[in-house]
């Protein structure tokens, strides 16, 4: 009988999935989706992304475009 409750509770909890957040996103929703996945403030993720992009000679722009294509929308 305990196996029924284990499977029932396992079905109720879904695994966390990385998705682009179109509602809270500014461009493609990548930063907002990552913020939601890691339970962070979207503004903090955006600022970190801009700083990383500047310090890597704008390689972050290419990474953003690739993530935009690979991460599915909500």
PDB file of N, CA and C in Angstrom:
ATOM      1  N   UNK A   1       0.820  -1.191   0.000  1.00  0.00           N
ATOM      2  CA  UNK A   1       0.000   0.000   0.000  1.00  0.00           C
ATOM      3  C   UNK A   1       0.863   1.253   0.000  1.00  0.00           C
ATOM      4  N   UNK A   2       2.035   1.168   0.571  1.00  0.00           N
ATOM      5  CA  UNK A   2       2.901   2.349   0.584  1.00  0.00           C
ATOM      6  C   UNK A   2       3.426   2.660  -0.812  1.00  0.00           C
ATOM      7  N   UNK A   3       3.516   1.635  -1.684  1.00  0.00           N
ATOM      8  CA  UNK A   3       3.981   1.884  -3.040  1.00  0.00           C
ATOM      9  C   UNK A   3       2.978   2.732  -3.823  1.00  0.00           C
ATOM     10  N   UNK A   4       1.708   2.634  -3.484  1.00  0.00           N
ATOM     11  CA  UNK A   4       0.702   3.447  -4.148  1.00  0.00           C
ATOM     12  C   UNK A   4       0.875   4.912  -3.781  1.00  0.00           C
ATOM     13  N   UNK A   5       1.155   5.174  -2.529  1.00  0.00           N
ATOM     14  CA  UNK A   5       1.327   6.564  -2.127  1.00  0.00           C
ATOM     15  C   UNK A   5       2.626   7.130  -2.672  1.00  0.00           C
ATOM     16  N   UNK A   6       3.645   6.285  -2.807  1.00  0.00           N
ATOM     17  CA  UNK A   6       4.912   6.765  -3.362  1.00  0.00           C
ATOM     18  C   UNK A   6       4.741   7.136  -4.831  1.00  0.00           C
ATOM     19  N   UNK A   7       4.067   6.298  -5.595  1.00  0.00           N
ATOM     20  CA  UNK A   7       3.878   6.601  -7.009  1.00  0.00           C
ATOM     21  C   UNK A   7       2.925   7.772  -7.188  1.00  0.00           C
ATOM     22  N   UNK A   8       1.952   7.903  -6.326  1.00  0.00           N
ATOM     23  CA  UNK A   8       1.021   9.020  -6.402  1.00  0.00           C
ATOM     24  C   UNK A   8       1.706  10.338  -6.121  1.00  0.00           C
ATOM     25  N   UNK A   9       2.598  10.371  -5.139  1.00  0.00           N
ATOM     26  CA  UNK A   9       3.293  11.610  -4.824  1.00  0.00           C
ATOM     27  C   UNK A   9       4.359  11.910  -5.866  1.00  0.00           C
ATOM     28  N   UNK A  10       4.951  10.875  -6.459  1.00  0.00           N
ATOM     29  CA  UNK A  10       5.959  11.094  -7.496  1.00  0.00           C
ATOM     30  C   UNK A  10       5.308  11.669  -8.754  1.00  0.00           C
ATOM     31  N   UNK A  11       4.088  11.241  -9.046  1.00  0.00           N
ATOM     32  CA  UNK A  11       3.393  11.754 -10.222  1.00  0.00           C
ATOM     33  C   UNK A  11       2.951  13.198 -10.007  1.00  0.00           C
ATOM     34  N   UNK A  12       2.704  13.580  -8.771  1.00  0.00           N
ATOM     35  CA  UNK A  12       2.247  14.932  -8.474  1.00  0.00           C
ATOM     36  C   UNK A  12       3.376  15.947  -8.608  1.00  0.00           C
ATOM     37  N   UNK A  13       4.606  15.554  -8.325  1.00  0.00           N
ATOM     38  CA  UNK A  13       5.730  16.478  -8.450  1.00  0.00           C
ATOM     39  C   UNK A  13       6.401  16.273  -9.794  1.00  0.00           C
ATOM     40  N   UNK A  14       6.458  17.327 -10.562  1.00  0.00           N
ATOM     41  CA  UNK A  14       7.078  17.253 -11.874  1.00  0.00           C
ATOM     42  C   UNK A  14       8.510  17.767 -11.782  1.00  0.00           C
ATOM     43  N   UNK A  15       9.405  17.237 -12.590  1.00  0.00           N
ATOM     44  CA  UNK A  15      10.782  17.726 -12.554  1.00  0.00           C
ATOM     45  C   UNK A  15      10.863  19.163 -13.064  1.00  0.00           C
ATOM     46  N   UNK A  16      11.815  19.888 -12.548  1.00  0.00           N
ATOM     47  CA  UNK A  16      12.047  21.261 -12.963  1.00  0.00           C
ATOM     48  C   UNK A  16      12.592  21.263 -14.387  1.00  0.00           C
ATOM     49  N   UNK A  17      12.049  22.103 -15.247  1.00  0.00           N
ATOM     50  CA  UNK A  17      12.500  22.169 -16.635  1.00  0.00           C
ATOM     51  C   UNK A  17      12.876  23.606 -16.980  1.00  0.00           C
ATOM     52  N   UNK A  18      13.953  23.745 -17.717  1.00  0.00           N
ATOM     53  CA  UNK A  18      14.403  25.056 -18.161  1.00  0.00           C
ATOM     54  C   UNK A  18      13.601  25.451 -19.393  1.00  0.00           C
ATOM     55  N   UNK A  19      12.860  26.526 -19.278  1.00  0.00           N
ATOM     56  CA  UNK A  19      12.033  27.048 -20.371  1.00  0.00           C
ATOM     57  C   UNK A  19      12.237  28.555 -20.468  1.00  0.00           C
ATOM     58  N   UNK A  20      12.076  29.092 -21.675  1.00  0.00           N
ATOM     59  CA  UNK A  20      12.111  30.540 -21.836  1.00  0.00           C
ATOM     60  C   UNK A  20      10.806  31.118 -21.308  1.00  0.00           C
ATOM     61  N   UNK A  21      10.908  32.187 -20.539  1.00  0.00           N
ATOM     62  CA  UNK A  21       9.739  32.830 -19.932  1.00  0.00           C
ATOM     63  C   UNK A  21       9.325  34.004 -20.819  1.00  0.00           C
ATOM     64  N   UNK A  22       8.339  33.773 -21.679  1.00  0.00           N
ATOM     65  CA  UNK A  22       7.919  34.793 -22.633  1.00  0.00           C
ATOM     66  C   UNK A  22       7.181  35.948 -21.960  1.00  0.00           C
ATOM     67  N   UNK A  23       6.498  35.690 -20.843  1.00  0.00           N
ATOM     68  CA  UNK A  23       5.743  36.743 -20.175  1.00  0.00           C
ATOM     69  C   UNK A  23       6.658  37.755 -19.494  1.00  0.00           C
ATOM     70  N   UNK A  24       7.704  37.282 -18.835  1.00  0.00           N
ATOM     71  CA  UNK A  24       8.594  38.166 -18.090  1.00  0.00           C
ATOM     72  C   UNK A  24       9.872  38.486 -18.850  1.00  0.00           C
ATOM     73  N   UNK A  25      10.006  37.947 -20.045  1.00  0.00           N
ATOM     74  CA  UNK A  25      11.207  38.158 -20.837  1.00  0.00           C
ATOM     75  C   UNK A  25      11.222  39.520 -21.498  1.00  0.00           C
ATOM     76  N   UNK A  26      12.428  40.032 -21.741  1.00  0.00           N
ATOM     77  CA  UNK A  26      12.553  41.327 -22.402  1.00  0.00           C
ATOM     78  C   UNK A  26      12.823  41.154 -23.895  1.00  0.00           C
ATOM     79  N   UNK A  27      13.667  40.206 -24.249  1.00  0.00           N
ATOM     80  CA  UNK A  27      13.962  39.979 -25.671  1.00  0.00           C
ATOM     81  C   UNK A  27      13.423  38.602 -26.055  1.00  0.00           C
ATOM     82  N   UNK A  28      14.110  37.561 -25.618  1.00  0.00           N
ATOM     83  CA  UNK A  28      13.680  36.213 -25.969  1.00  0.00           C
ATOM     84  C   UNK A  28      13.211  35.407 -24.777  1.00  0.00           C
ATOM     85  N   UNK A  29      13.357  35.945 -23.579  1.00  0.00           N
ATOM     86  CA  UNK A  29      12.933  35.240 -22.379  1.00  0.00           C
ATOM     87  C   UNK A  29      13.965  34.284 -21.815  1.00  0.00           C
ATOM     88  N   UNK A  30      15.188  34.303 -22.348  1.00  0.00           N
ATOM     89  CA  UNK A  30      16.227  33.372 -21.883  1.00  0.00           C
ATOM     90  C   UNK A  30      16.636  33.698 -20.450  1.00  0.00           C
ATOM     91  N   UNK A  31      16.952  34.952 -20.178  1.00  0.00           N
ATOM     92  CA  UNK A  31      17.388  35.337 -18.828  1.00  0.00           C
ATOM     93  C   UNK A  31      16.263  35.145 -17.815  1.00  0.00           C
ATOM     94  N   UNK A  32      15.038  35.497 -18.204  1.00  0.00           N
ATOM     95  CA  UNK A  32      13.898  35.313 -17.303  1.00  0.00           C
ATOM     96  C   UNK A  32      13.653  33.832 -17.027  1.00  0.00           C
ATOM     97  N   UNK A  33      13.815  33.004 -18.038  1.00  0.00           N
ATOM     98  CA  UNK A  33      13.646  31.561 -17.851  1.00  0.00           C
ATOM     99  C   UNK A  33      14.723  30.972 -16.957  1.00  0.00           C
ATOM    100  N   UNK A  34      15.962  31.432 -17.134  1.00  0.00           N
ATOM    101  CA  UNK A  34      17.053  30.958 -16.279  1.00  0.00           C
ATOM    102  C   UNK A  34      16.849  31.429 -14.841  1.00  0.00           C
ATOM    103  N   UNK A  35      16.364  32.650 -14.679  1.00  0.00           N
ATOM    104  CA  UNK A  35      16.095  33.166 -13.331  1.00  0.00           C
ATOM    105  C   UNK A  35      15.009  32.346 -12.648  1.00  0.00           C
ATOM    106  N   UNK A  36      13.982  31.992 -13.388  1.00  0.00           N
ATOM    107  CA  UNK A  36      12.894  31.178 -12.828  1.00  0.00           C
ATOM    108  C   UNK A  36      13.400  29.789 -12.459  1.00  0.00           C
ATOM    109  N   UNK A  37      14.237  29.196 -13.314  1.00  0.00           N
ATOM    110  CA  UNK A  37      14.767  27.855 -13.072  1.00  0.00           C
ATOM    111  C   UNK A  37      15.653  27.816 -11.833  1.00  0.00           C
ATOM    112  N   UNK A  38      16.516  28.826 -11.687  1.00  0.00           N
ATOM    113  CA  UNK A  38      17.435  28.863 -10.541  1.00  0.00           C
ATOM    114  C   UNK A  38      16.878  29.640  -9.359  1.00  0.00           C
ATOM    115  N   UNK A  39      15.622  30.086  -9.435  1.00  0.00           N
ATOM    116  CA  UNK A  39      14.941  30.814  -8.372  1.00  0.00           C
ATOM    117  C   UNK A  39      15.718  32.073  -7.982  1.00  0.00           C
ATOM    118  N   UNK A  40      16.031  32.892  -8.995  1.00  0.00           N
ATOM    119  CA  UNK A  40      16.744  34.147  -8.804  1.00  0.00           C
ATOM    120  C   UNK A  40      15.906  35.302  -9.344  1.00  0.00           C
ATOM    121  N   UNK A  41      16.323  36.512  -9.017  1.00  0.00           N
ATOM    122  CA  UNK A  41      15.681  37.703  -9.540  1.00  0.00           C
ATOM    123  C   UNK A  41      16.085  37.873 -11.011  1.00  0.00           C
ATOM    124  N   UNK A  42      15.134  38.058 -11.925  1.00  0.00           N
ATOM    125  CA  UNK A  42      15.483  38.212 -13.340  1.00  0.00           C
ATOM    126  C   UNK A  42      16.423  39.391 -13.607  1.00  0.00           C
ATOM    127  N   UNK A  43      16.288  40.470 -12.853  1.00  0.00           N
ATOM    128  CA  UNK A  43      17.174  41.621 -13.045  1.00  0.00           C
ATOM    129  C   UNK A  43      18.619  41.244 -12.732  1.00  0.00           C
ATOM    130  N   UNK A  44      18.818  40.438 -11.715  1.00  0.00           N
ATOM    131  CA  UNK A  44      20.160  39.991 -11.348  1.00  0.00           C
ATOM    132  C   UNK A  44      20.770  39.141 -12.465  1.00  0.00           C
ATOM    133  N   UNK A  45      19.987  38.265 -13.052  1.00  0.00           N
ATOM    134  CA  UNK A  45      20.476  37.421 -14.145  1.00  0.00           C
ATOM    135  C   UNK A  45      20.798  38.278 -15.359  1.00  0.00           C
ATOM    136  N   UNK A  46      19.968  39.278 -15.642  1.00  0.00           N
ATOM    137  CA  UNK A  46      20.218  40.155 -16.784  1.00  0.00           C
ATOM    138  C   UNK A  46      21.504  40.965 -16.604  1.00  0.00           C
ATOM    139  N   UNK A  47      21.702  41.509 -15.402  1.00  0.00           N
ATOM    140  CA  UNK A  47      22.919  42.276 -15.130  1.00  0.00           C
ATOM    141  C   UNK A  47      24.145  41.374 -15.247  1.00  0.00           C
ATOM    142  N   UNK A  48      24.071  40.177 -14.712  1.00  0.00           N
ATOM    143  CA  UNK A  48      25.188  39.228 -14.813  1.00  0.00           C
ATOM    144  C   UNK A  48      25.462  38.895 -16.275  1.00  0.00           C
ATOM    145  N   UNK A  49      24.413  38.706 -17.058  1.00  0.00           N
ATOM    146  CA  UNK A  49      24.588  38.400 -18.479  1.00  0.00           C
ATOM    147  C   UNK A  49      25.277  39.554 -19.211  1.00  0.00           C
ATOM    148  N   UNK A  50      24.857  40.781 -18.944  1.00  0.00           N
ATOM    149  CA  UNK A  50      25.467  41.943 -19.604  1.00  0.00           C
ATOM    150  C   UNK A  50      26.936  42.055 -19.219  1.00  0.00           C
ATOM    151  N   UNK A  51      27.254  41.868 -17.943  1.00  0.00           N
ATOM    152  CA  UNK A  51      28.651  41.945 -17.503  1.00  0.00           C
ATOM    153  C   UNK A  51      29.492  40.843 -18.138  1.00  0.00           C
ATOM    154  N   UNK A  52      28.964  39.653 -18.186  1.00  0.00           N
ATOM    155  CA  UNK A  52      29.698  38.540 -18.817  1.00  0.00           C
ATOM    156  C   UNK A  52      29.897  38.831 -20.301  1.00  0.00           C
ATOM    157  N   UNK A  53      28.880  39.371 -20.957  1.00  0.00           N
ATOM    158  CA  UNK A  53      28.999  39.690 -22.378  1.00  0.00           C
ATOM    159  C   UNK A  53      30.072  40.738 -22.628  1.00  0.00           C
ATOM    160  N   UNK A  54      30.126  41.752 -21.788  1.00  0.00           N
ATOM    161  CA  UNK A  54      31.124  42.813 -21.954  1.00  0.00           C
ATOM    162  C   UNK A  54      32.532  42.271 -21.726  1.00  0.00           C
ATOM    163  N   UNK A  55      32.708  41.490 -20.677  1.00  0.00           N
ATOM    164  CA  UNK A  55      34.046  40.996 -20.336  1.00  0.00           C
ATOM    165  C   UNK A  55      34.531  39.857 -21.242  1.00  0.00           C
ATOM    166  N   UNK A  56      33.640  39.287 -22.041  1.00  0.00           N
ATOM    167  CA  UNK A  56      34.060  38.220 -22.965  1.00  0.00           C
ATOM    168  C   UNK A  56      34.007  38.695 -24.414  1.00  0.00           C
ATOM    169  N   UNK A  57      34.183  39.998 -24.610  1.00  0.00           N
ATOM    170  CA  UNK A  57      34.175  40.588 -25.953  1.00  0.00           C
ATOM    171  C   UNK A  57      32.894  40.233 -26.706  1.00  0.00           C
ATOM    172  N   UNK A  58      31.779  40.306 -26.012  1.00  0.00           N
ATOM    173  CA  UNK A  58      30.443  40.091 -26.563  1.00  0.00           C
ATOM    174  C   UNK A  58      30.203  38.677 -27.077  1.00  0.00           C
ATOM    175  N   UNK A  59      30.931  37.713 -26.553  1.00  0.00           N
ATOM    176  CA  UNK A  59      30.653  36.310 -26.865  1.00  0.00           C
ATOM    177  C   UNK A  59      29.316  35.893 -26.246  1.00  0.00           C
ATOM    178  N   UNK A  60      28.896  36.592 -25.205  1.00  0.00           N
ATOM    179  CA  UNK A  60      27.616  36.306 -24.566  1.00  0.00           C
ATOM    180  C   UNK A  60      26.443  36.493 -25.497  1.00  0.00           C
ATOM    181  N   UNK A  61      26.595  37.373 -26.474  1.00  0.00           N
ATOM    182  CA  UNK A  61      25.521  37.589 -27.451  1.00  0.00           C
ATOM    183  C   UNK A  61      25.309  36.317 -28.270  1.00  0.00           C
ATOM    184  N   UNK A  62      26.389  35.701 -28.677  1.00  0.00           N
ATOM    185  CA  UNK A  62      26.273  34.441 -29.425  1.00  0.00           C
ATOM    186  C   UNK A  62      25.667  33.343 -28.558  1.00  0.00           C
ATOM    187  N   UNK A  63      26.090  33.281 -27.304  1.00  0.00           N
ATOM    188  CA  UNK A  63      25.545  32.278 -26.378  1.00  0.00           C
ATOM    189  C   UNK A  63      24.055  32.503 -26.196  1.00  0.00           C
ATOM    190  N   UNK A  64      23.639  33.768 -26.059  1.00  0.00           N
ATOM    191  CA  UNK A  64      22.225  34.083 -25.897  1.00  0.00           C
ATOM    192  C   UNK A  64      21.420  33.606 -27.112  1.00  0.00           C
ATOM    193  N   UNK A  65      21.933  33.875 -28.306  1.00  0.00           N
ATOM    194  CA  UNK A  65      21.231  33.460 -29.517  1.00  0.00           C
ATOM    195  C   UNK A  65      21.104  31.942 -29.611  1.00  0.00           C
ATOM    196  N   UNK A  66      22.158  31.238 -29.229  1.00  0.00           N
ATOM    197  CA  UNK A  66      22.116  29.773 -29.245  1.00  0.00           C
ATOM    198  C   UNK A  66      21.101  29.266 -28.215  1.00  0.00           C
ATOM    199  N   UNK A  67      21.116  29.844 -27.014  1.00  0.00           N
ATOM    200  CA  UNK A  67      20.147  29.430 -25.986  1.00  0.00           C
ATOM    201  C   UNK A  67      18.726  29.751 -26.418  1.00  0.00           C
ATOM    202  N   UNK A  68      18.548  30.860 -27.094  1.00  0.00           N
ATOM    203  CA  UNK A  68      17.227  31.254 -27.584  1.00  0.00           C
ATOM    204  C   UNK A  68      16.682  30.187 -28.539  1.00  0.00           C
ATOM    205  N   UNK A  69      17.557  29.613 -29.341  1.00  0.00           N
ATOM    206  CA  UNK A  69      17.132  28.585 -30.285  1.00  0.00           C
ATOM    207  C   UNK A  69      16.951  27.209 -29.607  1.00  0.00           C
ATOM    208  N   UNK A  70      17.739  26.927 -28.580  1.00  0.00           N
ATOM    209  CA  UNK A  70      17.718  25.590 -27.970  1.00  0.00           C
ATOM    210  C   UNK A  70      16.687  25.429 -26.856  1.00  0.00           C
ATOM    211  N   UNK A  71      16.473  26.469 -26.063  1.00  0.00           N
ATOM    212  CA  UNK A  71      15.555  26.363 -24.919  1.00  0.00           C
ATOM    213  C   UNK A  71      14.123  26.581 -25.419  1.00  0.00           C
ATOM    214  N   UNK A  72      13.244  25.632 -25.170  1.00  0.00           N
ATOM    215  CA  UNK A  72      11.858  25.780 -25.627  1.00  0.00           C
ATOM    216  C   UNK A  72      11.119  26.841 -24.804  1.00  0.00           C
ATOM    217  N   UNK A  73      10.124  27.451 -25.417  1.00  0.00           N
ATOM    218  CA  UNK A  73       9.291  28.441 -24.728  1.00  0.00           C
ATOM    219  C   UNK A  73       8.311  27.740 -23.805  1.00  0.00           C
ATOM    220  N   UNK A  74       7.807  28.478 -22.837  1.00  0.00           N
ATOM    221  CA  UNK A  74       6.809  27.924 -21.898  1.00  0.00           C
ATOM    222  C   UNK A  74       5.507  27.664 -22.618  1.00  0.00           C
TER     223      UNK A  74
END
